[in-house]
């Protein structure tokens, strides 16, 4: 049971970007298992499955599927009525849509889905979030998202449309705006949390044009590439899995790979150039450049680049190149007031002339808010109409508190040796020896290959921290930039920037303790035993801030509990939400995202809300790379030292902690660039992944860096 000894902080009314579902469904839903297949094989692509089921409902058998059913894109279909299937509880239907497909439906035995327990849960008549409550929330999510997700490209939780705002990035990419939507149960009501979202999209158009943009070239002859060239590998990685349409005939194909000198590619006693001339009367203008490989392994097909177009509405899901990060941030940046105004206007279909022409610069298209409003058109969604759901048009307000800022001690308060940042340069210059303490490298604006070489040199070959800066940043460096740079350099050299202090943290300091963070949380056996072998003393207090589940964390901790080691545990789950509020931090450019905490176990503070909030807020001020507080406690950013799947916990020095995202991003530094390390390497659904090859070629970080935060 949560307790509260006192009310801490200054009360404040906070307007949110959440809207009340004023009427929940009164009807119940029947569940059906769905299997989509062709030639005896299940369809794995979720977008293709949705397309097949949607065509089945609208064009093949609309009488059977009236009112329209809701499909989750995987295996479940929800219907407002019991479907009259030929087999009673099952039926297989067939349809032709770029091939012959079959859809097998089977009624799921058990209860139907209703919303009675959800009503009891939010009204306080039921205290547990039962499976029926969770299922009801999931169905509500599907009802809300179904109409826009069928119309626009999406990632399930958010949909995107160029009519909401678009900006070209270069490199064959562009940015689109969209809407994020999420159903949340609260005390007395169910809310829809809505936010403005951004997606990176492949630019629609000529394959040649997009390929040249990726390479930053203008002459089509730059596409005359050999398979072993870095440019060929770059294009192959960029285009793998992308869909194209064809110039010479109808069709939509998925790119499996690229072929050099495509016009002269030989097959069946001819070549591609002669085949297209004979079959389609097309004389290839550029037979020597690359071509596109499509089809299956059993039926390979090579299409010249000049006859291919990048299909529309495709999300770019790989890591965004660093050179585009600033444009991404600028495009996504909107104040909380502006974001909420756009959301409210979309809910109410009441867009002002000023909102229709919102522009952040000459490279922006006018923000067509009227079309944006129609994209979030709850009152006209057939799925919401059939369910009888209505949404209140006004955002809700909540009672909030401004927590007191923790005390910050600059330098190492424990040893009373504060770091003088101004003398850092002088200190480095006085150092002598065979190698410098740190190397500062000034890079050109676009220099991914140089950056990789520098980091590989420092991390792997010589064991020396390196700090890279871009010339365009140096030219206009302000106090904020210099402060962030100084903080990174200081910790790389073993310094301490600042230590936060608060009564809640001091409660831990009174005894030996460890604050541990984990992301997602699949703890491997032996984590704690590795720690106990490497540490001088065992902790008697352990606080965790993580997205893992309590049972999984306990599976790592409990094997280490002995008669002499029985730690007290405080375990909280923390997630970033999409509410527009200011809680843990204030951001430099955009609306801050608050964090949502659920305390699962607390032996230390005995579920005292104020102390737990104070501890979490204090830890938000302990991130060594930031001059401001961050959105979640800094330990959650940190994990044991891993590089993707290339090492195991037993390989790791237990005293070393890393920022998970930063470390994973440094994976490329530990392999020869010729291996083509990138996100695409791990996302292939067609080629087998040779992990032994990667293990063999992995180069560990230099031993000299074992106790240094060089990754910061």
Foldseek 3Di string as FASTA:
>chain_A
DFDAPDDFFAKDKFFKQKFFFPDFFPAWKWKKWKFKDDPPGTDDDLVVQVVVVVCCCPPVCVVQQVVHWFDPSHTIIIHRDDGPEPVRQKDKDWDDDPHIMIMIIGTDDDDIQDCVVVQCCLQVVDPDCDPSNVVSQVVVLRLQCVVLVVVAQDPSQKGWDCLQKKFDQWLQKIKTKTKGWHWDRHRPTIIIRIFIDMFIFGHWWQLLVNLCRNVVHDDSCVQQDDCLDPSQLSVFLQQQQFWKAFQQDGDIWGFHGKDFLQQQPDDDHGGNQVCCCVVRVDHDPCSGGMWTWTDDPVDIDTGRSRGIIGDPRGTDDFDDPPLRVVVVCLVPFDALVVGSVLSLCLLVLNDDPCQQQDDDDDRMDGRRSNVNSVSSDQVPRSSCVVSVIDIDSGTDMDIDGAHDAFDKAFWDPVVPPHDDLVCVVVVQVPDDDPDGQEEEAEAESDDPPVVLVVCLCCFFPPVHFYHYDYPVCVVPPDPQNVVLSSLLVQQQSVIAGIATDDPLVVLQVVFFEDEAAEEQAQDDAPLQVLQCVQDPDAGQEYEYEYQYDPVNVCNRVVVPDDPVHDHWYWYKYKDWDNMQDDHLWDDDGHRDTAMDIDTDHGPRPRNHPVSVSVVFSRQQCRASSHPIGDRTRPNNQKDFQDAPPLDDSVVGNSVDIARVVLNNVSNSSFADVSVVDTPSLPPDPRDDRDSVVVNVRGGHTDPSCNPGHSSD
